[in-house]
Structure formats: structure tokens, C-alpha cells
Amino acid sequence: MRSIRNRLGKTQEEFAEILDISVDFLSLVERGLNAPSFESIEAFSITLGIPVRDFFDFSPETTSQAHKTPNVYKS
């Protein structure tokens, strides 16, 4: 989630608002202390306009630019 958020240039607050989740939950997910359900990941995928697989791309941010997010929800 952090990688996707960083690619979008969003703060945790902005990203949590877009995804309709709490900042606390987002922080836990980004630190690996909690995980969203598969249903939530699917909803996030639809909201952001990115493939579900992007949530499971664990390559380093500096080398992973293959999955850009062209259809991102704009507020």
C-alpha cells in the first residue's frame, strides 16, 4: 500500500480518505501489522483503477515502474 500511495504522491491522510479507511488502519497495513481483506483489496483496486496484482507487487519502489497507475481516482 505504501508503494502505491508513494507513486500517487499522496499523504496517508489523503490516501486513507480516497480508500474510505482510517489513517490508523492504513498505517498498520503499511507497517505490516494488519492486512485488508481480499474484498477490501478488490474495492481499493476498483477505487484506484489499478489491477489487484499491484497490491502484491513487492519489488523495490526504485526499480518497479512497470505498473504505473494511469486511471487513478482524482479528488
Protein backbone atom coordinates (compact mmCIF):
# COMPACT_ATOMS: atom_id res chain seq x y z
CA MET A 1 0.00 0.00 0.00
CA ARG A 2 2.81 2.39 0.85
CA SER A 3 4.38 1.85 -2.56
CA ILE A 4 1.10 2.64 -4.34
CA ARG A 5 0.49 5.66 -2.11
CA ASN A 6 4.00 6.98 -2.78
CA ARG A 7 3.61 6.53 -6.55
CA LEU A 8 0.46 8.63 -6.32
CA GLY A 9 2.17 11.30 -4.24
CA LYS A 10 -0.47 11.11 -1.51
CA THR A 11 -0.12 11.53 2.23
CA GLN A 12 -1.51 8.83 4.50
CA GLU A 13 -4.44 11.10 5.27
CA GLU A 14 -5.24 11.73 1.61
CA PHE A 15 -4.87 8.08 0.65
CA ALA A 16 -6.99 6.85 3.56
CA GLU A 17 -9.72 9.30 2.59
CA ILE A 18 -9.71 8.11 -1.03
CA LEU A 19 -9.94 4.47 0.13
CA ASP A 20 -12.52 5.29 2.81
CA ILE A 21 -10.45 3.74 5.60
CA SER A 22 -8.96 5.18 8.77
CA VAL A 23 -5.44 6.57 8.82
CA ASP A 24 -4.72 4.24 11.75
CA PHE A 25 -5.69 1.17 9.68
CA LEU A 26 -3.65 2.38 6.70
CA SER A 27 -0.64 2.89 8.96
CA LEU A 28 -0.99 -0.65 10.36
CA VAL A 29 -1.22 -2.09 6.84
CA GLU A 30 1.79 -0.13 5.62
CA ARG A 31 3.85 -1.38 8.58
CA GLY A 32 2.77 -4.98 8.01
CA LEU A 33 0.88 -5.20 11.30
CA ASN A 34 -2.55 -5.72 9.75
CA ALA A 35 -3.91 -6.71 6.37
CA PRO A 36 -7.04 -5.73 4.47
CA SER A 37 -9.43 -8.50 3.43
CA PHE A 38 -9.43 -9.69 -0.16
CA GLU A 39 -12.79 -7.95 -0.58
CA SER A 40 -11.25 -4.69 0.61
CA ILE A 41 -8.30 -5.07 -1.75
CA GLU A 42 -10.72 -5.59 -4.61
CA ALA A 43 -12.64 -2.45 -3.60
CA PHE A 44 -9.36 -0.48 -3.37
CA SER A 45 -8.42 -1.76 -6.82
CA ILE A 46 -11.70 -0.52 -8.28
CA THR A 47 -11.48 2.84 -6.48
CA LEU A 48 -7.90 3.44 -7.64
CA GLY A 49 -8.37 1.99 -11.11
CA ILE A 50 -5.39 -0.33 -10.77
CA PRO A 51 -5.10 -4.12 -11.05
CA VAL A 52 -5.38 -6.18 -7.86
CA ARG A 53 -1.93 -7.64 -8.63
CA ASP A 54 -0.38 -4.25 -7.87
CA PHE A 55 -1.18 -4.79 -4.20
CA PHE A 56 1.01 -7.89 -4.29
CA ASP A 57 3.99 -6.43 -6.17
CA PHE A 58 6.75 -6.42 -3.57
CA SER A 59 9.60 -5.31 -5.79
CA PRO A 60 11.59 -2.28 -4.61
CA GLU A 61 9.98 1.05 -5.44
CA THR A 62 13.10 2.37 -7.08
CA THR A 63 13.20 -0.40 -9.70
CA SER A 64 9.47 -1.11 -10.11
CA GLN A 65 7.96 1.34 -12.51
CA ALA A 66 6.38 -1.33 -14.71
CA HIS A 67 2.99 -0.97 -13.06
CA LYS A 68 2.09 2.67 -13.37
CA THR A 69 -1.34 3.78 -12.22
CA PRO A 70 -2.90 5.58 -15.20
CA ASN A 71 -6.54 5.54 -14.12
CA VAL A 72 -6.22 6.83 -10.59
CA TYR A 73 -9.21 8.26 -8.79
CA LYS A 74 -8.79 12.01 -8.67
CA SER A 75 -10.48 14.06 -5.98
